[in-house]
Amino acid sequence: MLVAFSISPGSASEDGSVTDGVAAAVKVVRDSGLPNETNSMFTNIEGEWDEVMAVIKRAIDAVAATSPRVGLVLKADIRPGYDGQMTAKVERLNSAVG
């Protein structure tokens, strides 16, 4: 499965930044060993349901350690039997675009 998700602290630092909380979540994902990528809005992760959801829960817990409230946006592409789709989908799109 592929999951695109965004986790953010419900409260920002004094300067209005949520960087530290988001960084804590991204570190959990990167340390998971699962294929992942982060862009300006979301983190994408690929793996089996239980392992992906366990990583997302740990990422939420990491943010919750810095903020009393946590926001989560999640979109999943659940397609059993397929892997490597994080890159394959983009390759198919780029091929179609030319």
PDB file of N, CA and C in Angstrom:
ATOM      1  N   MET A   1       0.836  -1.177   0.000  1.00  0.00           N
ATOM      2  CA  MET A   1       0.000   0.000   0.000  1.00  0.00           C
ATOM      3  C   MET A   1       0.873   1.230   0.000  1.00  0.00           C
ATOM      4  N   LEU A   2       0.358   2.271  -0.587  1.00  0.00           N
ATOM      5  CA  LEU A   2       1.004   3.581  -0.547  1.00  0.00           C
ATOM      6  C   LEU A   2       0.166   4.489   0.334  1.00  0.00           C
ATOM      7  N   VAL A   3       0.833   5.258   1.169  1.00  0.00           N
ATOM      8  CA  VAL A   3       0.126   6.224   2.002  1.00  0.00           C
ATOM      9  C   VAL A   3       0.825   7.568   1.882  1.00  0.00           C
ATOM     10  N   ALA A   4       0.039   8.590   1.621  1.00  0.00           N
ATOM     11  CA  ALA A   4       0.505   9.970   1.673  1.00  0.00           C
ATOM     12  C   ALA A   4      -0.123  10.561   2.924  1.00  0.00           C
ATOM     13  N   PHE A   5       0.710  11.101   3.804  1.00  0.00           N
ATOM     14  CA  PHE A   5       0.149  11.646   5.024  1.00  0.00           C
ATOM     15  C   PHE A   5       0.904  12.888   5.469  1.00  0.00           C
ATOM     16  N   SER A   6       0.226  13.661   6.264  1.00  0.00           N
ATOM     17  CA  SER A   6       0.783  14.878   6.836  1.00  0.00           C
ATOM     18  C   SER A   6       0.398  14.920   8.304  1.00  0.00           C
ATOM     19  N   ILE A   7       1.380  15.085   9.144  1.00  0.00           N
ATOM     20  CA  ILE A   7       1.153  15.205  10.589  1.00  0.00           C
ATOM     21  C   ILE A   7       1.677  16.557  11.016  1.00  0.00           C
ATOM     22  N   SER A   8       0.905  17.265  11.794  1.00  0.00           N
ATOM     23  CA  SER A   8       1.416  18.539  12.292  1.00  0.00           C
ATOM     24  C   SER A   8       0.953  18.775  13.722  1.00  0.00           C
ATOM     25  N   PRO A   9       1.806  19.448  14.482  1.00  0.00           N
ATOM     26  CA  PRO A   9       1.432  19.798  15.853  1.00  0.00           C
ATOM     27  C   PRO A   9       0.254  20.753  15.843  1.00  0.00           C
ATOM     28  N   GLY A  10      -0.602  20.628  16.838  1.00  0.00           N
ATOM     29  CA  GLY A  10      -1.730  21.534  16.965  1.00  0.00           C
ATOM     30  C   GLY A  10      -1.326  22.906  17.475  1.00  0.00           C
ATOM     31  N   SER A  11      -0.138  22.976  18.056  1.00  0.00           N
ATOM     32  CA  SER A  11       0.358  24.269  18.521  1.00  0.00           C
ATOM     33  C   SER A  11       1.767  24.468  17.978  1.00  0.00           C
ATOM     34  N   ALA A  12       2.041  25.670  17.538  1.00  0.00           N
ATOM     35  CA  ALA A  12       3.338  26.007  16.955  1.00  0.00           C
ATOM     36  C   ALA A  12       4.267  26.558  18.031  1.00  0.00           C
ATOM     37  N   SER A  13       5.523  26.659  17.666  1.00  0.00           N
ATOM     38  CA  SER A  13       6.490  27.273  18.571  1.00  0.00           C
ATOM     39  C   SER A  13       6.206  28.776  18.657  1.00  0.00           C
ATOM     40  N   GLU A  14       6.964  29.467  19.475  1.00  0.00           N
ATOM     41  CA  GLU A  14       6.726  30.907  19.666  1.00  0.00           C
ATOM     42  C   GLU A  14       6.831  31.699  18.370  1.00  0.00           C
ATOM     43  N   ASP A  15       7.657  31.232  17.441  1.00  0.00           N
ATOM     44  CA  ASP A  15       7.796  31.948  16.171  1.00  0.00           C
ATOM     45  C   ASP A  15       6.783  31.487  15.112  1.00  0.00           C
ATOM     46  N   GLY A  16       5.836  30.616  15.506  1.00  0.00           N
ATOM     47  CA  GLY A  16       4.800  30.157  14.599  1.00  0.00           C
ATOM     48  C   GLY A  16       5.199  28.953  13.766  1.00  0.00           C
ATOM     49  N   SER A  17       6.354  28.390  14.022  1.00  0.00           N
ATOM     50  CA  SER A  17       6.862  27.272  13.238  1.00  0.00           C
ATOM     51  C   SER A  17       6.399  25.927  13.805  1.00  0.00           C
ATOM     52  N   VAL A  18       6.153  24.983  12.903  1.00  0.00           N
ATOM     53  CA  VAL A  18       5.848  23.609  13.301  1.00  0.00           C
ATOM     54  C   VAL A  18       6.986  22.667  12.879  1.00  0.00           C
ATOM     55  N   THR A  19       8.103  23.236  12.479  1.00  0.00           N
ATOM     56  CA  THR A  19       9.218  22.461  11.930  1.00  0.00           C
ATOM     57  C   THR A  19       9.703  21.371  12.867  1.00  0.00           C
ATOM     58  N   ASP A  20       9.898  21.664  14.137  1.00  0.00           N
ATOM     59  CA  ASP A  20      10.445  20.663  15.058  1.00  0.00           C
ATOM     60  C   ASP A  20       9.524  19.451  15.199  1.00  0.00           C
ATOM     61  N   GLY A  21       8.241  19.694  15.308  1.00  0.00           N
ATOM     62  CA  GLY A  21       7.299  18.582  15.424  1.00  0.00           C
ATOM     63  C   GLY A  21       7.240  17.759  14.154  1.00  0.00           C
ATOM     64  N   VAL A  22       7.208  18.427  13.005  1.00  0.00           N
ATOM     65  CA  VAL A  22       7.177  17.724  11.730  1.00  0.00           C
ATOM     66  C   VAL A  22       8.472  16.944  11.531  1.00  0.00           C
ATOM     67  N   ALA A  23       9.589  17.533  11.906  1.00  0.00           N
ATOM     68  CA  ALA A  23      10.878  16.846  11.782  1.00  0.00           C
ATOM     69  C   ALA A  23      10.912  15.570  12.619  1.00  0.00           C
ATOM     70  N   ALA A  24      10.316  15.603  13.786  1.00  0.00           N
ATOM     71  CA  ALA A  24      10.266  14.409  14.637  1.00  0.00           C
ATOM     72  C   ALA A  24       9.494  13.289  13.946  1.00  0.00           C
ATOM     73  N   ALA A  25       8.402  13.642  13.291  1.00  0.00           N
ATOM     74  CA  ALA A  25       7.608  12.642  12.565  1.00  0.00           C
ATOM     75  C   ALA A  25       8.370  12.091  11.368  1.00  0.00           C
ATOM     76  N   VAL A  26       9.002  12.960  10.608  1.00  0.00           N
ATOM     77  CA  VAL A  26       9.752  12.532   9.424  1.00  0.00           C
ATOM     78  C   VAL A  26      10.921  11.632   9.818  1.00  0.00           C
ATOM     79  N   LYS A  27      11.559  11.925  10.941  1.00  0.00           N
ATOM     80  CA  LYS A  27      12.668  11.078  11.403  1.00  0.00           C
ATOM     81  C   LYS A  27      12.176   9.663  11.680  1.00  0.00           C
ATOM     82  N   VAL A  28      11.022   9.531  12.300  1.00  0.00           N
ATOM     83  CA  VAL A  28      10.452   8.206  12.561  1.00  0.00           C
ATOM     84  C   VAL A  28      10.260   7.450  11.244  1.00  0.00           C
ATOM     85  N   VAL A  29       9.718   8.131  10.254  1.00  0.00           N
ATOM     86  CA  VAL A  29       9.476   7.495   8.956  1.00  0.00           C
ATOM     87  C   VAL A  29      10.793   7.085   8.314  1.00  0.00           C
ATOM     88  N   ARG A  30      11.754   7.980   8.287  1.00  0.00           N
ATOM     89  CA  ARG A  30      13.042   7.670   7.646  1.00  0.00           C
ATOM     90  C   ARG A  30      13.776   6.553   8.365  1.00  0.00           C
ATOM     91  N   ASP A  31      13.641   6.488   9.673  1.00  0.00           N
ATOM     92  CA  ASP A  31      14.289   5.423  10.448  1.00  0.00           C
ATOM     93  C   ASP A  31      13.581   4.074  10.313  1.00  0.00           C
ATOM     94  N   SER A  32      12.371   4.060   9.733  1.00  0.00           N
ATOM     95  CA  SER A  32      11.576   2.828   9.645  1.00  0.00           C
ATOM     96  C   SER A  32      12.159   1.805   8.678  1.00  0.00           C
ATOM     97  N   GLY A  33      12.910   2.260   7.715  1.00  0.00           N
ATOM     98  CA  GLY A  33      13.442   1.355   6.704  1.00  0.00           C
ATOM     99  C   GLY A  33      12.489   1.111   5.543  1.00  0.00           C
ATOM    100  N   LEU A  34      11.259   1.613   5.626  1.00  0.00           N
ATOM    101  CA  LEU A  34      10.310   1.469   4.527  1.00  0.00           C
ATOM    102  C   LEU A  34      10.599   2.514   3.452  1.00  0.00           C
ATOM    103  N   PRO A  35      10.292   2.210   2.188  1.00  0.00           N
ATOM    104  CA  PRO A  35      10.449   3.216   1.144  1.00  0.00           C
ATOM    105  C   PRO A  35       9.619   4.446   1.501  1.00  0.00           C
ATOM    106  N   ASN A  36      10.219   5.620   1.390  1.00  0.00           N
ATOM    107  CA  ASN A  36       9.508   6.847   1.735  1.00  0.00           C
ATOM    108  C   ASN A  36      10.108   8.027   1.004  1.00  0.00           C
ATOM    109  N   GLU A  37       9.344   9.090   0.946  1.00  0.00           N
ATOM    110  CA  GLU A  37       9.816  10.358   0.401  1.00  0.00           C
ATOM    111  C   GLU A  37       9.004  11.471   1.046  1.00  0.00           C
ATOM    112  N   THR A  38       9.625  12.600   1.190  1.00  0.00           N
ATOM    113  CA  THR A  38       8.953  13.745   1.795  1.00  0.00           C
ATOM    114  C   THR A  38       9.022  14.905   0.818  1.00  0.00           C
ATOM    115  N   ASN A  39       7.892  15.587   0.650  1.00  0.00           N
ATOM    116  CA  ASN A  39       7.874  16.801  -0.159  1.00  0.00           C
ATOM    117  C   ASN A  39       7.379  17.945   0.725  1.00  0.00           C
ATOM    118  N   SER A  40       7.072  19.064   0.142  1.00  0.00           N
ATOM    119  CA  SER A  40       6.718  20.237   0.950  1.00  0.00           C
ATOM    120  C   SER A  40       5.388  20.104   1.691  1.00  0.00           C
ATOM    121  N   MET A  41       4.546  19.151   1.286  1.00  0.00           N
ATOM    122  CA  MET A  41       3.223  19.033   1.888  1.00  0.00           C
ATOM    123  C   MET A  41       2.945  17.697   2.562  1.00  0.00           C
ATOM    124  N   PHE A  42       3.541  16.612   2.062  1.00  0.00           N
ATOM    125  CA  PHE A  42       3.228  15.271   2.548  1.00  0.00           C
ATOM    126  C   PHE A  42       4.476  14.409   2.652  1.00  0.00           C
ATOM    127  N   THR A  43       4.345  13.343   3.397  1.00  0.00           N
ATOM    128  CA  THR A  43       5.326  12.262   3.396  1.00  0.00           C
ATOM    129  C   THR A  43       4.624  11.047   2.821  1.00  0.00           C
ATOM    130  N   ASN A  44       5.275  10.380   1.892  1.00  0.00           N
ATOM    131  CA  ASN A  44       4.756   9.156   1.288  1.00  0.00           C
ATOM    132  C   ASN A  44       5.537   7.983   1.842  1.00  0.00           C
ATOM    133  N   ILE A  45       4.847   6.893   2.100  1.00  0.00           N
ATOM    134  CA  ILE A  45       5.479   5.689   2.625  1.00  0.00           C
ATOM    135  C   ILE A  45       4.811   4.490   1.981  1.00  0.00           C
ATOM    136  N   GLU A  46       5.598   3.424   1.749  1.00  0.00           N
ATOM    137  CA  GLU A  46       5.070   2.238   1.082  1.00  0.00           C
ATOM    138  C   GLU A  46       5.412   0.989   1.876  1.00  0.00           C
ATOM    139  N   GLY A  47       4.445   0.086   1.999  1.00  0.00           N
ATOM    140  CA  GLY A  47       4.672  -1.174   2.693  1.00  0.00           C
ATOM    141  C   GLY A  47       3.353  -1.874   2.940  1.00  0.00           C
ATOM    142  N   GLU A  48       3.398  -2.894   3.762  1.00  0.00           N
ATOM    143  CA  GLU A  48       2.185  -3.618   4.137  1.00  0.00           C
ATOM    144  C   GLU A  48       1.391  -2.800   5.158  1.00  0.00           C
ATOM    145  N   TRP A  49       0.076  -3.021   5.180  1.00  0.00           N
ATOM    146  CA  TRP A  49      -0.837  -2.256   6.041  1.00  0.00           C
ATOM    147  C   TRP A  49      -0.317  -2.104   7.473  1.00  0.00           C
ATOM    148  N   ASP A  50      -0.057  -3.230   8.135  1.00  0.00           N
ATOM    149  CA  ASP A  50       0.322  -3.182   9.551  1.00  0.00           C
ATOM    150  C   ASP A  50       1.617  -2.430   9.782  1.00  0.00           C
ATOM    151  N   GLU A  51       2.606  -2.605   8.901  1.00  0.00           N
ATOM    152  CA  GLU A  51       3.876  -1.922   9.116  1.00  0.00           C
ATOM    153  C   GLU A  51       3.762  -0.425   8.826  1.00  0.00           C
ATOM    154  N   VAL A  52       3.014  -0.059   7.790  1.00  0.00           N
ATOM    155  CA  VAL A  52       2.834   1.364   7.469  1.00  0.00           C
ATOM    156  C   VAL A  52       2.066   2.073   8.588  1.00  0.00           C
ATOM    157  N   MET A  53       0.977   1.462   9.031  1.00  0.00           N
ATOM    158  CA  MET A  53       0.172   2.091  10.070  1.00  0.00           C
ATOM    159  C   MET A  53       0.930   2.173  11.399  1.00  0.00           C
ATOM    160  N   ALA A  54       1.785   1.201  11.680  1.00  0.00           N
ATOM    161  CA  ALA A  54       2.602   1.253  12.900  1.00  0.00           C
ATOM    162  C   ALA A  54       3.588   2.422  12.834  1.00  0.00           C
ATOM    163  N   VAL A  55       4.161   2.660  11.663  1.00  0.00           N
ATOM    164  CA  VAL A  55       5.086   3.792  11.506  1.00  0.00           C
ATOM    165  C   VAL A  55       4.335   5.110  11.669  1.00  0.00           C
ATOM    166  N   ILE A  56       3.161   5.203  11.068  1.00  0.00           N
ATOM    167  CA  ILE A  56       2.377   6.438  11.201  1.00  0.00           C
ATOM    168  C   ILE A  56       2.005   6.679  12.661  1.00  0.00           C
ATOM    169  N   LYS A  57       1.632   5.636  13.380  1.00  0.00           N
ATOM    170  CA  LYS A  57       1.313   5.796  14.805  1.00  0.00           C
ATOM    171  C   LYS A  57       2.540   6.288  15.583  1.00  0.00           C
ATOM    172  N   ARG A  58       3.707   5.713  15.301  1.00  0.00           N
ATOM    173  CA  ARG A  58       4.924   6.175  15.995  1.00  0.00           C
ATOM    174  C   ARG A  58       5.238   7.628  15.650  1.00  0.00           C
ATOM    175  N   ALA A  59       4.980   8.017  14.405  1.00  0.00           N
ATOM    176  CA  ALA A  59       5.205   9.409  14.003  1.00  0.00           C
ATOM    177  C   ALA A  59       4.243  10.345  14.740  1.00  0.00           C
ATOM    178  N   ILE A  60       2.996   9.934  14.870  1.00  0.00           N
ATOM    179  CA  ILE A  60       2.021  10.725  15.628  1.00  0.00           C
ATOM    180  C   ILE A  60       2.468  10.851  17.081  1.00  0.00           C
ATOM    181  N   ASP A  61       2.924   9.750  17.663  1.00  0.00           N
ATOM    182  CA  ASP A  61       3.399   9.781  19.051  1.00  0.00           C
ATOM    183  C   ASP A  61       4.595  10.723  19.211  1.00  0.00           C
ATOM    184  N   ALA A  62       5.470  10.771  18.215  1.00  0.00           N
ATOM    185  CA  ALA A  62       6.630  11.668  18.276  1.00  0.00           C
ATOM    186  C   ALA A  62       6.186  13.129  18.275  1.00  0.00           C
ATOM    187  N   VAL A  63       5.186  13.447  17.455  1.00  0.00           N
ATOM    188  CA  VAL A  63       4.669  14.820  17.425  1.00  0.00           C
ATOM    189  C   VAL A  63       3.916  15.126  18.713  1.00  0.00           C
ATOM    190  N   ALA A  64       3.165  14.157  19.212  1.00  0.00           N
ATOM    191  CA  ALA A  64       2.405  14.355  20.448  1.00  0.00           C
ATOM    192  C   ALA A  64       3.320  14.636  21.636  1.00  0.00           C
ATOM    193  N   ALA A  65       4.563  14.206  21.556  1.00  0.00           N
ATOM    194  CA  ALA A  65       5.520  14.496  22.632  1.00  0.00           C
ATOM    195  C   ALA A  65       5.907  15.973  22.655  1.00  0.00           C
ATOM    196  N   THR A  66       5.630  16.694  21.548  1.00  0.00           N
ATOM    197  CA  THR A  66       5.976  18.114  21.473  1.00  0.00           C
ATOM    198  C   THR A  66       4.763  19.031  21.501  1.00  0.00           C
ATOM    199  N   SER A  67       3.566  18.452  21.382  1.00  0.00           N
ATOM    200  CA  SER A  67       2.356  19.267  21.288  1.00  0.00           C
ATOM    201  C   SER A  67       1.172  18.516  21.896  1.00  0.00           C
ATOM    202  N   PRO A  68       0.308  19.204  22.598  1.00  0.00           N
ATOM    203  CA  PRO A  68      -0.845  18.542  23.211  1.00  0.00           C
ATOM    204  C   PRO A  68      -1.935  18.153  22.203  1.00  0.00           C
ATOM    205  N   ARG A  69      -1.776  18.601  20.953  1.00  0.00           N
ATOM    206  CA  ARG A  69      -2.775  18.311  19.930  1.00  0.00           C
ATOM    207  C   ARG A  69      -2.050  18.015  18.625  1.00  0.00           C
ATOM    208  N   VAL A  70      -2.534  17.014  17.874  1.00  0.00           N
ATOM    209  CA  VAL A  70      -1.875  16.598  16.638  1.00  0.00           C
ATOM    210  C   VAL A  70      -2.912  16.494  15.532  1.00  0.00           C
ATOM    211  N   GLY A  71      -2.580  17.027  14.361  1.00  0.00           N
ATOM    212  CA  GLY A  71      -3.451  16.908  13.195  1.00  0.00           C
ATOM    213  C   GLY A  71      -2.880  15.876  12.224  1.00  0.00           C
ATOM    214  N   LEU A  72      -3.755  15.085  11.620  1.00  0.00           N
ATOM    215  CA  LEU A  72      -3.342  14.061  10.665  1.00  0.00           C
ATOM    216  C   LEU A  72      -4.231  14.117   9.433  1.00  0.00           C
ATOM    217  N   VAL A  73      -3.598  14.159   8.254  1.00  0.00           N
ATOM    218  CA  VAL A  73      -4.279  14.011   6.973  1.00  0.00           C
ATOM    219  C   VAL A  73      -3.652  12.779   6.327  1.00  0.00           C
ATOM    220  N   LEU A  74      -4.492  11.848   5.843  1.00  0.00           N
ATOM    221  CA  LEU A  74      -3.973  10.590   5.312  1.00  0.00           C
ATOM    222  C   LEU A  74      -4.766  10.185   4.072  1.00  0.00           C
ATOM    223  N   LYS A  75      -4.038   9.788   3.033  1.00  0.00           N
ATOM    224  CA  LYS A  75      -4.649   9.237   1.827  1.00  0.00           C
ATOM    225  C   LYS A  75      -3.924   7.944   1.512  1.00  0.00           C
ATOM    226  N   ALA A  76      -4.668   6.858   1.274  1.00  0.00           N
ATOM    227  CA  ALA A  76      -4.056   5.555   1.045  1.00  0.00           C
ATOM    228  C   ALA A  76      -4.500   4.959  -0.284  1.00  0.00           C
ATOM    229  N   ASP A  77      -3.563   4.306  -0.954  1.00  0.00           N
ATOM    230  CA  ASP A  77      -3.833   3.512  -2.149  1.00  0.00           C
ATOM    231  C   ASP A  77      -3.574   2.069  -1.747  1.00  0.00           C
ATOM    232  N   ILE A  78      -4.644   1.335  -1.503  1.00  0.00           N
ATOM    233  CA  ILE A  78      -4.551  -0.038  -1.007  1.00  0.00           C
ATOM    234  C   ILE A  78      -4.721  -0.970  -2.199  1.00  0.00           C
ATOM    235  N   ARG A  79      -3.614  -1.601  -2.581  1.00  0.00           N
ATOM    236  CA  ARG A  79      -3.607  -2.454  -3.775  1.00  0.00           C
ATOM    237  C   ARG A  79      -2.750  -3.681  -3.476  1.00  0.00           C
ATOM    238  N   PRO A  80      -3.340  -4.709  -2.860  1.00  0.00           N
ATOM    239  CA  PRO A  80      -2.577  -5.903  -2.489  1.00  0.00           C
ATOM    240  C   PRO A  80      -1.855  -6.526  -3.683  1.00  0.00           C
ATOM    241  N   GLY A  81      -0.647  -7.023  -3.416  1.00  0.00           N
ATOM    242  CA  GLY A  81       0.121  -7.694  -4.447  1.00  0.00           C
ATOM    243  C   GLY A  81       1.023  -6.792  -5.258  1.00  0.00           C
ATOM    244  N   TYR A  82       0.991  -5.513  -5.002  1.00  0.00           N
ATOM    245  CA  TYR A  82       1.832  -4.569  -5.734  1.00  0.00           C
ATOM    246  C   TYR A  82       2.809  -3.927  -4.764  1.00  0.00           C
ATOM    247  N   ASP A  83       4.055  -3.796  -5.195  1.00  0.00           N
ATOM    248  CA  ASP A  83       5.020  -3.016  -4.429  1.00  0.00           C
ATOM    249  C   ASP A  83       5.865  -2.222  -5.417  1.00  0.00           C
ATOM    250  N   GLY A  84       6.686  -1.339  -4.911  1.00  0.00           N
ATOM    251  CA  GLY A  84       7.495  -0.485  -5.775  1.00  0.00           C
ATOM    252  C   GLY A  84       6.674   0.557  -6.516  1.00  0.00           C
ATOM    253  N   GLN A  85       5.456   0.797  -6.069  1.00  0.00           N
ATOM    254  CA  GLN A  85       4.559   1.708  -6.776  1.00  0.00           C
ATOM    255  C   GLN A  85       4.865   3.178  -6.532  1.00  0.00           C
ATOM    256  N   MET A  86       5.612   3.483  -5.479  1.00  0.00           N
ATOM    257  CA  MET A  86       5.952   4.879  -5.215  1.00  0.00           C
ATOM    258  C   MET A  86       6.732   5.454  -6.398  1.00  0.00           C
ATOM    259  N   THR A  87       7.600   4.660  -6.979  1.00  0.00           N
ATOM    260  CA  THR A  87       8.360   5.127  -8.141  1.00  0.00           C
ATOM    261  C   THR A  87       7.701   4.704  -9.447  1.00  0.00           C
ATOM    262  N   ALA A  88       7.093   3.513  -9.479  1.00  0.00           N
ATOM    263  CA  ALA A  88       6.504   3.018 -10.721  1.00  0.00           C
ATOM    264  C   ALA A  88       5.374   3.909 -11.226  1.00  0.00           C
ATOM    265  N   LYS A  89       4.555   4.417 -10.311  1.00  0.00           N
ATOM    266  CA  LYS A  89       3.450   5.288 -10.721  1.00  0.00           C
ATOM    267  C   LYS A  89       3.978   6.555 -11.377  1.00  0.00           C
ATOM    268  N   VAL A  90       5.035   7.118 -10.810  1.00  0.00           N
ATOM    269  CA  VAL A  90       5.615   8.343 -11.366  1.00  0.00           C
ATOM    270  C   VAL A  90       6.263   8.048 -12.723  1.00  0.00           C
ATOM    271  N   GLU A  91       6.932   6.901 -12.838  1.00  0.00           N
ATOM    272  CA  GLU A  91       7.541   6.534 -14.116  1.00  0.00           C
ATOM    273  C   GLU A  91       6.487   6.372 -15.207  1.00  0.00           C
ATOM    274  N   ARG A  92       5.354   5.727 -14.880  1.00  0.00           N
ATOM    275  CA  ARG A  92       4.271   5.573 -15.860  1.00  0.00           C
ATOM    276  C   ARG A  92       3.724   6.935 -16.266  1.00  0.00           C
ATOM    277  N   LEU A  93       3.552   7.822 -15.324  1.00  0.00           N
ATOM    278  CA  LEU A  93       3.049   9.166 -15.629  1.00  0.00           C
ATOM    279  C   LEU A  93       4.022   9.926 -16.511  1.00  0.00           C
ATOM    280  N   ASN A  94       5.308   9.907 -16.147  1.00  0.00           N
ATOM    281  CA  ASN A  94       6.312  10.623 -16.944  1.00  0.00           C
ATOM    282  C   ASN A  94       6.386  10.063 -18.355  1.00  0.00           C
ATOM    283  N   SER A  95       6.227   8.758 -18.510  1.00  0.00           N
ATOM    284  CA  SER A  95       6.232   8.141 -19.844  1.00  0.00           C
ATOM    285  C   SER A  95       5.034   8.622 -20.653  1.00  0.00           C
ATOM    286  N   ALA A  96       3.880   8.724 -20.020  1.00  0.00           N
ATOM    287  CA  ALA A  96       2.675   9.172 -20.717  1.00  0.00           C
ATOM    288  C   ALA A  96       2.759  10.643 -21.103  1.00  0.00           C
ATOM    289  N   VAL A  97       3.396  11.437 -20.234  1.00  0.00           N
ATOM    290  CA  VAL A  97       3.533  12.874 -20.513  1.00  0.00           C
ATOM    291  C   VAL A  97       4.517  13.099 -21.650  1.00  0.00           C
ATOM    292  N   GLY A  98       5.562  12.261 -21.680  1.00  0.00           N
ATOM    293  CA  GLY A  98       6.547  12.356 -22.759  1.00  0.00           C
ATOM    294  C   GLY A  98       7.745  13.081 -22.404  1.00  0.00           C
TER     295      GLY A  98
END
